[in-house]
Amino acid sequence: MTTKVAFLGLGVMGYPMAGHLSGAGFEVTVYNRTRLKAESWINRYSGSLAATPAEAVVNADMVFSCVGQDDDVREICYGDVGALAAMSPGSILVDHTTASAFLARELSLACVERQLSFIDAPVSGGQQGAEQGLLTVMCGGDKDVFDKARPVIESYAKTVKLMGPAGDGQLCKMVNQICIAGIVQGLAEGLHFAECAGLDAEQVVDVISKGAAQSWQMENRHQTMLAGEYEHGFAVDWMRKDLGMVLSEARTNGAQIPLAALVDQFYADVQAQGGGRWDTSSLLSRLSRQK
């Protein structure tokens, strides 16, 4: 029998992720707050369109959500037309939103009360990874539930890992964002230094990328950074949202993350330049303006 799934949220990540589920042969019903986007998805992939989250999840074995922030998740999950009210007992909610660990634990408890299961499953890999089906998914929840969800998630992921109980997926994603912030800032400063020193930045990257300085960001973003092109996916506005959650969690658990706090302020500078929708590699732009 074909597994029936629902996908709530068809943004730059959810749209291709839901597409991979359809391509893998699952029976997919989609919901998006902007109906035009959902209609576009239906015209491209095999599936059906629902008017509300509750309608989308009727009889679904698994429900996937991928929206913007904690309150967006609550909006599609709670209330008379929310997903939880209409999900079948025994079904699984998998939230791919990068949200707070607090929300993940809250949703886990709400699901238990309704005889549902929950996995928090933020992703890394950006729009390119979603389109290519090569995402990394960090999960929190019970192992038996994870084991059921994993084969479905693998439709659009290259790595799916259970990190611990509910909330641990979100905490792992926070570590991911801390590391990315430092790497991108280091690359931006290196390219800026090379240009100020009169070096050929392309030649510099060609040499140092063969050694310990190599990174995904260097390999995939240095050329566009040097060209001042910042239209390649994950936006500064979203990174600041994520770093805000990181800093809030650090205040609770006592972690010392001064670099992440500093880079968060640098991204605020980029926003002030009008670059809120630029991708995260745009940290170089604030240095270039200061030359």
C-alpha atoms as a PDB file:
ATOM      1  CA  MET A   1       0.000   0.000   0.000  1.00  0.00           C
ATOM      2  CA  THR A   2       1.329   3.446  -0.939  1.00  0.00           C
ATOM      3  CA  THR A   3       2.388   5.590   2.012  1.00  0.00           C
ATOM      4  CA  LYS A   4       0.305   8.747   2.175  1.00  0.00           C
ATOM      5  CA  VAL A   5       2.108  11.917   3.228  1.00  0.00           C
ATOM      6  CA  ALA A   6       1.267  15.586   3.649  1.00  0.00           C
ATOM      7  CA  PHE A   7       3.701  18.456   3.196  1.00  0.00           C
ATOM      8  CA  LEU A   8       2.937  21.823   4.815  1.00  0.00           C
ATOM      9  CA  GLY A   9       4.968  24.744   3.540  1.00  0.00           C
ATOM     10  CA  LEU A  10       6.286  25.104  -0.002  1.00  0.00           C
ATOM     11  CA  GLY A  11       9.040  27.666   0.321  1.00  0.00           C
ATOM     12  CA  VAL A  12      12.454  27.428  -1.325  1.00  0.00           C
ATOM     13  CA  MET A  13      13.156  24.280   0.693  1.00  0.00           C
ATOM     14  CA  GLY A  14       9.744  22.654   1.053  1.00  0.00           C
ATOM     15  CA  TYR A  15       8.809  22.947  -2.616  1.00  0.00           C
ATOM     16  CA  PRO A  16      11.588  20.658  -3.921  1.00  0.00           C
ATOM     17  CA  MET A  17      11.468  18.411  -0.846  1.00  0.00           C
ATOM     18  CA  ALA A  18       7.793  17.694  -1.451  1.00  0.00           C
ATOM     19  CA  GLY A  19       8.669  17.166  -5.108  1.00  0.00           C
ATOM     20  CA  HIS A  20      11.158  14.443  -4.202  1.00  0.00           C
ATOM     21  CA  LEU A  21       8.488  12.704  -2.132  1.00  0.00           C
ATOM     22  CA  SER A  22       6.172  12.725  -5.131  1.00  0.00           C
ATOM     23  CA  GLY A  23       8.948  11.454  -7.387  1.00  0.00           C
ATOM     24  CA  ALA A  24       9.664   8.630  -4.952  1.00  0.00           C
ATOM     25  CA  GLY A  25       6.118   7.356  -5.396  1.00  0.00           C
ATOM     26  CA  PHE A  26       4.479   8.594  -2.218  1.00  0.00           C
ATOM     27  CA  GLU A  27       0.915   9.887  -2.326  1.00  0.00           C
ATOM     28  CA  VAL A  28       1.468  13.564  -1.515  1.00  0.00           C
ATOM     29  CA  THR A  29      -0.988  16.249  -0.434  1.00  0.00           C
ATOM     30  CA  VAL A  30       0.437  19.764  -0.109  1.00  0.00           C
ATOM     31  CA  TYR A  31      -0.624  22.913   1.698  1.00  0.00           C
ATOM     32  CA  ASN A  32       0.866  26.380   1.461  1.00  0.00           C
ATOM     33  CA  ARG A  33      -0.401  29.646   2.908  1.00  0.00           C
ATOM     34  CA  THR A  34       0.089  31.284  -0.488  1.00  0.00           C
ATOM     35  CA  ARG A  35      -2.191  29.137  -2.612  1.00  0.00           C
ATOM     36  CA  LEU A  36      -0.593  30.212  -5.904  1.00  0.00           C
ATOM     37  CA  LYS A  37       2.649  28.510  -4.864  1.00  0.00           C
ATOM     38  CA  ALA A  38       0.786  25.302  -4.090  1.00  0.00           C
ATOM     39  CA  GLU A  39      -0.968  25.440  -7.460  1.00  0.00           C
ATOM     40  CA  SER A  40       2.422  25.833  -9.132  1.00  0.00           C
ATOM     41  CA  TRP A  41       3.636  22.715  -7.302  1.00  0.00           C
ATOM     42  CA  ILE A  42       0.587  20.731  -8.419  1.00  0.00           C
ATOM     43  CA  ASN A  43       1.232  21.737 -12.023  1.00  0.00           C
ATOM     44  CA  ARG A  44       4.762  20.365 -11.764  1.00  0.00           C
ATOM     45  CA  TYR A  45       4.415  17.268  -9.590  1.00  0.00           C
ATOM     46  CA  SER A  46       1.927  14.480  -8.974  1.00  0.00           C
ATOM     47  CA  GLY A  47      -0.174  15.119  -5.879  1.00  0.00           C
ATOM     48  CA  SER A  48      -3.175  16.925  -4.499  1.00  0.00           C
ATOM     49  CA  LEU A  49      -3.783  20.357  -3.011  1.00  0.00           C
ATOM     50  CA  ALA A  50      -5.501  21.132   0.304  1.00  0.00           C
ATOM     51  CA  ALA A  51      -7.050  24.390   1.481  1.00  0.00           C
ATOM     52  CA  THR A  52      -6.001  24.009   5.140  1.00  0.00           C
ATOM     53  CA  PRO A  53      -3.401  22.069   7.104  1.00  0.00           C
ATOM     54  CA  ALA A  54      -6.187  19.964   8.638  1.00  0.00           C
ATOM     55  CA  GLU A  55      -7.490  19.012   5.205  1.00  0.00           C
ATOM     56  CA  ALA A  56      -3.995  18.135   4.008  1.00  0.00           C
ATOM     57  CA  VAL A  57      -3.251  15.668   6.796  1.00  0.00           C
ATOM     58  CA  VAL A  58      -6.449  13.607   6.745  1.00  0.00           C
ATOM     59  CA  ASN A  59      -5.480   9.899   6.626  1.00  0.00           C
ATOM     60  CA  ALA A  60      -1.783  10.772   6.166  1.00  0.00           C
ATOM     61  CA  ASP A  61       0.756   8.328   7.582  1.00  0.00           C
ATOM     62  CA  MET A  62       3.350  11.102   7.904  1.00  0.00           C
ATOM     63  CA  VAL A  63       3.069  14.875   7.938  1.00  0.00           C
ATOM     64  CA  PHE A  64       6.041  17.075   7.048  1.00  0.00           C
ATOM     65  CA  SER A  65       6.241  20.781   7.810  1.00  0.00           C
ATOM     66  CA  CYS A  66       8.801  23.334   6.666  1.00  0.00           C
ATOM     67  CA  VAL A  67       7.907  26.944   7.397  1.00  0.00           C
ATOM     68  CA  GLY A  68       9.651  30.003   8.806  1.00  0.00           C
ATOM     69  CA  GLN A  69       9.618  30.456  12.558  1.00  0.00           C
ATOM     70  CA  ASP A  70       8.182  29.043  15.782  1.00  0.00           C
ATOM     71  CA  ASP A  71       4.915  30.955  15.467  1.00  0.00           C
ATOM     72  CA  ASP A  72       4.506  29.806  11.854  1.00  0.00           C
ATOM     73  CA  VAL A  73       4.788  26.201  13.019  1.00  0.00           C
ATOM     74  CA  ARG A  74       2.222  26.818  15.741  1.00  0.00           C
ATOM     75  CA  GLU A  75      -0.113  28.417  13.193  1.00  0.00           C
ATOM     76  CA  ILE A  76      -0.185  25.348  10.952  1.00  0.00           C
ATOM     77  CA  CYS A  77      -0.244  22.828  13.813  1.00  0.00           C
ATOM     78  CA  TYR A  78      -2.754  24.186  16.322  1.00  0.00           C
ATOM     79  CA  GLY A  79      -6.395  25.208  16.168  1.00  0.00           C
ATOM     80  CA  ASP A  80      -9.460  23.815  14.426  1.00  0.00           C
ATOM     81  CA  VAL A  81      -7.841  23.901  10.981  1.00  0.00           C
ATOM     82  CA  GLY A  82      -4.368  22.958  12.245  1.00  0.00           C
ATOM     83  CA  ALA A  83      -2.650  19.697  11.481  1.00  0.00           C
ATOM     84  CA  LEU A  84      -2.763  18.150  14.959  1.00  0.00           C
ATOM     85  CA  ALA A  85      -6.556  18.328  15.130  1.00  0.00           C
ATOM     86  CA  ALA A  86      -6.949  16.142  12.041  1.00  0.00           C
ATOM     87  CA  MET A  87      -3.971  13.766  12.132  1.00  0.00           C
ATOM     88  CA  SER A  88      -4.772  10.098  12.584  1.00  0.00           C
ATOM     89  CA  PRO A  89      -3.672   8.402  15.823  1.00  0.00           C
ATOM     90  CA  GLY A  90      -0.344   6.681  15.253  1.00  0.00           C
ATOM     91  CA  SER A  91       0.757   9.038  12.487  1.00  0.00           C
ATOM     92  CA  ILE A  92       4.019  10.988  12.609  1.00  0.00           C
ATOM     93  CA  LEU A  93       4.696  14.736  12.429  1.00  0.00           C
ATOM     94  CA  VAL A  94       8.165  15.601  11.110  1.00  0.00           C
ATOM     95  CA  ASP A  95       9.024  19.293  11.439  1.00  0.00           C
ATOM     96  CA  HIS A  96      11.824  20.434   9.133  1.00  0.00           C
ATOM     97  CA  THR A  97      11.558  24.069  10.222  1.00  0.00           C
ATOM     98  CA  THR A  98      14.679  25.479  11.843  1.00  0.00           C
ATOM     99  CA  ALA A  99      12.977  26.415  15.096  1.00  0.00           C
ATOM    100  CA  SER A 100      13.699  26.491  18.810  1.00  0.00           C
ATOM    101  CA  ALA A 101      14.382  23.394  20.883  1.00  0.00           C
ATOM    102  CA  PHE A 102      11.638  24.675  23.197  1.00  0.00           C
ATOM    103  CA  LEU A 103       9.087  24.426  20.391  1.00  0.00           C
ATOM    104  CA  ALA A 104      10.273  20.926  19.487  1.00  0.00           C
ATOM    105  CA  ARG A 105       9.702  19.727  23.032  1.00  0.00           C
ATOM    106  CA  GLU A 106       6.343  21.498  23.144  1.00  0.00           C
ATOM    107  CA  LEU A 107       5.191  19.809  19.941  1.00  0.00           C
ATOM    108  CA  SER A 108       6.454  16.448  21.128  1.00  0.00           C
ATOM    109  CA  LEU A 109       4.259  16.687  24.234  1.00  0.00           C
ATOM    110  CA  ALA A 110       1.285  17.936  22.192  1.00  0.00           C
ATOM    111  CA  CYS A 111       1.625  14.932  19.907  1.00  0.00           C
ATOM    112  CA  VAL A 112       1.815  12.475  22.788  1.00  0.00           C
ATOM    113  CA  GLU A 113      -1.448  13.892  24.148  1.00  0.00           C
ATOM    114  CA  ARG A 114      -3.089  13.112  20.804  1.00  0.00           C
ATOM    115  CA  GLN A 115      -1.540   9.644  20.328  1.00  0.00           C
ATOM    116  CA  LEU A 116       0.740  11.022  17.619  1.00  0.00           C
ATOM    117  CA  SER A 117       4.514  10.859  17.210  1.00  0.00           C
ATOM    118  CA  PHE A 118       6.939  13.721  16.571  1.00  0.00           C
ATOM    119  CA  ILE A 119      10.400  14.225  15.106  1.00  0.00           C
ATOM    120  CA  ASP A 120      12.155  17.592  14.968  1.00  0.00           C
ATOM    121  CA  ALA A 121      14.263  17.439  11.834  1.00  0.00           C
ATOM    122  CA  PRO A 122      15.954  20.689  10.767  1.00  0.00           C
ATOM    123  CA  VAL A 123      18.003  20.448   7.591  1.00  0.00           C
ATOM    124  CA  SER A 124      21.288  21.730   6.216  1.00  0.00           C
ATOM    125  CA  GLY A 125      22.306  22.011   2.590  1.00  0.00           C
ATOM    126  CA  GLY A 126      20.343  25.031   1.438  1.00  0.00           C
ATOM    127  CA  GLN A 127      18.148  25.391  -1.613  1.00  0.00           C
ATOM    128  CA  GLN A 128      20.703  23.597  -3.790  1.00  0.00           C
ATOM    129  CA  GLY A 129      20.733  20.614  -1.458  1.00  0.00           C
ATOM    130  CA  ALA A 130      16.937  20.506  -1.377  1.00  0.00           C
ATOM    131  CA  GLU A 131      16.684  20.617  -5.162  1.00  0.00           C
ATOM    132  CA  GLN A 132      19.309  17.901  -5.593  1.00  0.00           C
ATOM    133  CA  GLY A 133      17.920  15.706  -2.809  1.00  0.00           C
ATOM    134  CA  LEU A 134      21.191  15.918  -0.880  1.00  0.00           C
ATOM    135  CA  LEU A 135      20.155  17.469   2.421  1.00  0.00           C
ATOM    136  CA  THR A 136      21.589  16.642   5.822  1.00  0.00           C
ATOM    137  CA  VAL A 137      18.812  16.088   8.369  1.00  0.00           C
ATOM    138  CA  MET A 138      19.418  16.319  12.140  1.00  0.00           C
ATOM    139  CA  CYS A 139      16.643  14.604  14.091  1.00  0.00           C
ATOM    140  CA  GLY A 140      15.326  14.562  17.630  1.00  0.00           C
ATOM    141  CA  GLY A 141      12.797  12.037  18.900  1.00  0.00           C
ATOM    142  CA  ASP A 142      12.246   8.391  19.780  1.00  0.00           C
ATOM    143  CA  LYS A 143      14.314   5.832  17.893  1.00  0.00           C
ATOM    144  CA  ASP A 144      11.379   3.666  16.859  1.00  0.00           C
ATOM    145  CA  VAL A 145       9.611   6.675  15.366  1.00  0.00           C
ATOM    146  CA  PHE A 146      12.825   7.804  13.676  1.00  0.00           C
ATOM    147  CA  ASP A 147      13.289   4.361  12.145  1.00  0.00           C
ATOM    148  CA  LYS A 148       9.839   4.626  10.553  1.00  0.00           C
ATOM    149  CA  ALA A 149      10.395   8.157   9.246  1.00  0.00           C
ATOM    150  CA  ARG A 150      13.957   7.751   7.998  1.00  0.00           C
ATOM    151  CA  PRO A 151      13.244   5.845   4.744  1.00  0.00           C
ATOM    152  CA  VAL A 152      10.762   8.532   3.728  1.00  0.00           C
ATOM    153  CA  ILE A 153      13.071  11.420   4.642  1.00  0.00           C
ATOM    154  CA  GLU A 154      15.823   9.792   2.574  1.00  0.00           C
ATOM    155  CA  SER A 155      13.811  10.717  -0.518  1.00  0.00           C
ATOM    156  CA  TYR A 156      15.470  14.145  -0.329  1.00  0.00           C
ATOM    157  CA  ALA A 157      18.439  13.608   1.999  1.00  0.00           C
ATOM    158  CA  LYS A 158      21.914  12.127   1.791  1.00  0.00           C
ATOM    159  CA  THR A 159      22.380  12.004   5.583  1.00  0.00           C
ATOM    160  CA  VAL A 160      19.687  11.435   8.212  1.00  0.00           C
ATOM    161  CA  LYS A 161      20.878  11.127  11.810  1.00  0.00           C
ATOM    162  CA  LEU A 162      19.082  10.755  15.137  1.00  0.00           C
ATOM    163  CA  MET A 163      20.813  13.046  17.644  1.00  0.00           C
ATOM    164  CA  GLY A 164      18.764  12.249  20.739  1.00  0.00           C
ATOM    165  CA  PRO A 165      15.340  13.063  22.202  1.00  0.00           C
ATOM    166  CA  ALA A 166      12.989  15.779  20.962  1.00  0.00           C
ATOM    167  CA  GLY A 167      14.806  19.106  20.649  1.00  0.00           C
ATOM    168  CA  ASP A 168      18.235  17.629  20.010  1.00  0.00           C
ATOM    169  CA  GLY A 169      17.815  17.965  16.250  1.00  0.00           C
ATOM    170  CA  GLN A 170      17.292  21.699  16.685  1.00  0.00           C
ATOM    171  CA  LEU A 171      20.262  21.967  19.038  1.00  0.00           C
ATOM    172  CA  CYS A 172      22.459  20.212  16.466  1.00  0.00           C
ATOM    173  CA  LYS A 173      21.289  22.662  13.795  1.00  0.00           C
ATOM    174  CA  MET A 174      22.328  25.499  16.102  1.00  0.00           C
ATOM    175  CA  VAL A 175      25.850  24.049  16.211  1.00  0.00           C
ATOM    176  CA  ASN A 176      25.754  23.924  12.411  1.00  0.00           C
ATOM    177  CA  GLN A 177      24.866  27.627  12.208  1.00  0.00           C
ATOM    178  CA  ILE A 178      27.558  28.604  14.700  1.00  0.00           C
ATOM    179  CA  CYS A 179      30.175  26.849  12.574  1.00  0.00           C
ATOM    180  CA  ILE A 180      28.898  28.286   9.295  1.00  0.00           C
ATOM    181  CA  ALA A 181      28.911  31.828  10.706  1.00  0.00           C
ATOM    182  CA  GLY A 182      32.577  31.550  11.658  1.00  0.00           C
ATOM    183  CA  ILE A 183      33.615  29.920   8.384  1.00  0.00           C
ATOM    184  CA  VAL A 184      31.891  32.507   6.191  1.00  0.00           C
ATOM    185  CA  GLN A 185      33.309  35.397   8.203  1.00  0.00           C
ATOM    186  CA  GLY A 186      36.804  33.906   7.956  1.00  0.00           C
ATOM    187  CA  LEU A 187      36.448  33.468   4.189  1.00  0.00           C
ATOM    188  CA  ALA A 188      35.149  37.017   3.789  1.00  0.00           C
ATOM    189  CA  GLU A 189      38.086  38.426   5.741  1.00  0.00           C
ATOM    190  CA  GLY A 190      40.574  36.298   3.794  1.00  0.00           C
ATOM    191  CA  LEU A 191      39.260  37.435   0.413  1.00  0.00           C
ATOM    192  CA  HIS A 192      39.127  41.031   1.613  1.00  0.00           C
ATOM    193  CA  PHE A 193      42.725  40.833   2.847  1.00  0.00           C
ATOM    194  CA  ALA A 194      43.905  39.315  -0.437  1.00  0.00           C
ATOM    195  CA  GLU A 195      42.351  42.130  -2.447  1.00  0.00           C
ATOM    196  CA  CYS A 196      43.704  44.840  -0.132  1.00  0.00           C
ATOM    197  CA  ALA A 197      47.174  43.280  -0.373  1.00  0.00           C
ATOM    198  CA  GLY A 198      47.057  43.395  -4.175  1.00  0.00           C
ATOM    199  CA  LEU A 199      46.946  39.630  -4.602  1.00  0.00           C
ATOM    200  CA  ASP A 200      44.982  37.774  -7.234  1.00  0.00           C
ATOM    201  CA  ALA A 201      42.257  36.406  -4.981  1.00  0.00           C
ATOM    202  CA  GLU A 202      41.395  33.607  -7.434  1.00  0.00           C
ATOM    203  CA  GLN A 203      45.009  32.404  -7.411  1.00  0.00           C
ATOM    204  CA  VAL A 204      45.085  32.621  -3.623  1.00  0.00           C
ATOM    205  CA  VAL A 205      41.986  30.454  -3.324  1.00  0.00           C
ATOM    206  CA  ASP A 206      43.361  27.984  -5.874  1.00  0.00           C
ATOM    207  CA  VAL A 207      46.400  27.466  -3.650  1.00  0.00           C
ATOM    208  CA  ILE A 208      44.941  27.530  -0.149  1.00  0.00           C
ATOM    209  CA  SER A 209      41.922  25.405  -1.083  1.00  0.00           C
ATOM    210  CA  LYS A 210      44.341  22.515  -1.556  1.00  0.00           C
ATOM    211  CA  GLY A 211      45.250  22.672   2.134  1.00  0.00           C
ATOM    212  CA  ALA A 212      43.707  23.010   5.573  1.00  0.00           C
ATOM    213  CA  ALA A 213      41.810  26.222   4.712  1.00  0.00           C
ATOM    214  CA  GLN A 214      39.532  24.403   2.278  1.00  0.00           C
ATOM    215  CA  SER A 215      35.793  24.488   2.987  1.00  0.00           C
ATOM    216  CA  TRP A 216      32.492  24.019   1.195  1.00  0.00           C
ATOM    217  CA  GLN A 217      31.959  27.768   1.395  1.00  0.00           C
ATOM    218  CA  MET A 218      35.342  28.465  -0.201  1.00  0.00           C
ATOM    219  CA  GLU A 219      34.760  25.981  -3.003  1.00  0.00           C
ATOM    220  CA  ASN A 220      31.200  27.026  -3.792  1.00  0.00           C
ATOM    221  CA  ARG A 221      31.025  30.712  -2.905  1.00  0.00           C
ATOM    222  CA  HIS A 222      34.382  32.442  -3.341  1.00  0.00           C
ATOM    223  CA  GLN A 223      33.798  33.345  -7.012  1.00  0.00           C
ATOM    224  CA  THR A 224      30.359  34.835  -6.426  1.00  0.00           C
ATOM    225  CA  MET A 225      31.604  36.664  -3.342  1.00  0.00           C
ATOM    226  CA  LEU A 226      34.408  38.269  -5.347  1.00  0.00           C
ATOM    227  CA  ALA A 227      31.873  39.225  -8.025  1.00  0.00           C
ATOM    228  CA  GLY A 228      29.528  40.743  -5.446  1.00  0.00           C
ATOM    229  CA  GLU A 229      26.767  38.277  -6.333  1.00  0.00           C
ATOM    230  CA  TYR A 230      24.718  37.274  -3.329  1.00  0.00           C
ATOM    231  CA  GLU A 231      21.620  35.598  -4.721  1.00  0.00           C
ATOM    232  CA  HIS A 232      22.431  31.995  -3.890  1.00  0.00           C
ATOM    233  CA  GLY A 233      19.972  30.738  -1.351  1.00  0.00           C
ATOM    234  CA  PHE A 234      19.865  31.037   2.424  1.00  0.00           C
ATOM    235  CA  ALA A 235      19.112  34.652   3.269  1.00  0.00           C
ATOM    236  CA  VAL A 236      20.745  36.913   5.864  1.00  0.00           C
ATOM    237  CA  ASP A 237      17.321  37.529   7.429  1.00  0.00           C
ATOM    238  CA  TRP A 238      16.960  33.802   8.080  1.00  0.00           C
ATOM    239  CA  MET A 239      20.504  33.453   9.377  1.00  0.00           C
ATOM    240  CA  ARG A 240      19.853  36.221  11.892  1.00  0.00           C
ATOM    241  CA  LYS A 241      16.694  34.408  12.965  1.00  0.00           C
ATOM    242  CA  ASP A 242      18.730  31.249  13.510  1.00  0.00           C
ATOM    243  CA  LEU A 243      21.563  33.022  15.321  1.00  0.00           C
ATOM    244  CA  GLY A 244      19.003  34.720  17.543  1.00  0.00           C
ATOM    245  CA  MET A 245      17.831  31.276  18.676  1.00  0.00           C
ATOM    246  CA  VAL A 246      21.444  30.175  19.117  1.00  0.00           C
ATOM    247  CA  LEU A 247      22.216  33.160  21.353  1.00  0.00           C
ATOM    248  CA  SER A 248      19.041  32.630  23.366  1.00  0.00           C
ATOM    249  CA  GLU A 249      19.879  28.966  23.916  1.00  0.00           C
ATOM    250  CA  ALA A 250      23.448  29.862  24.885  1.00  0.00           C
ATOM    251  CA  ARG A 251      22.173  32.230  27.557  1.00  0.00           C
ATOM    252  CA  THR A 252      20.250  29.276  28.991  1.00  0.00           C
ATOM    253  CA  ASN A 253      22.944  26.586  28.808  1.00  0.00           C
ATOM    254  CA  GLY A 254      25.932  28.820  29.614  1.00  0.00           C
ATOM    255  CA  ALA A 255      27.804  28.295  26.329  1.00  0.00           C
ATOM    256  CA  GLN A 256      30.371  30.964  25.442  1.00  0.00           C
ATOM    257  CA  ILE A 257      29.947  31.864  21.766  1.00  0.00           C
ATOM    258  CA  PRO A 258      31.490  35.335  21.264  1.00  0.00           C
ATOM    259  CA  LEU A 259      32.281  34.754  17.572  1.00  0.00           C
ATOM    260  CA  ALA A 260      28.683  33.829  16.755  1.00  0.00           C
ATOM    261  CA  ALA A 261      27.465  36.931  18.615  1.00  0.00           C
ATOM    262  CA  LEU A 262      29.908  39.113  16.692  1.00  0.00           C
ATOM    263  CA  VAL A 263      28.991  37.665  13.295  1.00  0.00           C
ATOM    264  CA  ASP A 264      25.321  38.151  14.138  1.00  0.00           C
ATOM    265  CA  GLN A 265      26.047  41.877  14.465  1.00  0.00           C
ATOM    266  CA  PHE A 266      27.941  41.828  11.174  1.00  0.00           C
ATOM    267  CA  TYR A 267      24.853  40.351   9.536  1.00  0.00           C
ATOM    268  CA  ALA A 268      22.881  43.212  11.085  1.00  0.00           C
ATOM    269  CA  ASP A 269      25.234  45.542   9.199  1.00  0.00           C
ATOM    270  CA  VAL A 270      24.421  43.711   5.968  1.00  0.00           C
ATOM    271  CA  GLN A 271      20.711  44.112   6.688  1.00  0.00           C
ATOM    272  CA  ALA A 272      21.283  47.835   7.204  1.00  0.00           C
ATOM    273  CA  GLN A 273      22.848  47.943   3.729  1.00  0.00           C
ATOM    274  CA  GLY A 274      19.597  46.547   2.327  1.00  0.00           C
ATOM    275  CA  GLY A 275      20.977  43.012   2.068  1.00  0.00           C
ATOM    276  CA  GLY A 276      18.479  41.140   4.189  1.00  0.00           C
ATOM    277  CA  ARG A 277      17.566  38.876   1.273  1.00  0.00           C
ATOM    278  CA  TRP A 278      21.163  38.381   0.131  1.00  0.00           C
ATOM    279  CA  ASP A 279      22.675  35.008   0.926  1.00  0.00           C
ATOM    280  CA  THR A 280      24.939  34.514   3.918  1.00  0.00           C
ATOM    281  CA  SER A 281      28.158  34.888   1.911  1.00  0.00           C
ATOM    282  CA  SER A 282      27.361  38.625   1.698  1.00  0.00           C
ATOM    283  CA  LEU A 283      29.484  39.239   4.799  1.00  0.00           C
ATOM    284  CA  LEU A 284      32.178  40.310   2.334  1.00  0.00           C
ATOM    285  CA  SER A 285      29.993  43.230   1.232  1.00  0.00           C
ATOM    286  CA  ARG A 286      30.362  45.085   4.533  1.00  0.00           C
ATOM    287  CA  LEU A 287      34.159  44.774   4.356  1.00  0.00           C
ATOM    288  CA  SER A 288      34.282  45.937   0.742  1.00  0.00           C
ATOM    289  CA  ARG A 289      32.302  49.043   1.688  1.00  0.00           C
ATOM    290  CA  GLN A 290      34.890  49.887   4.337  1.00  0.00           C
ATOM    291  CA  LYS A 291      37.879  49.852   1.961  1.00  0.00           C
END
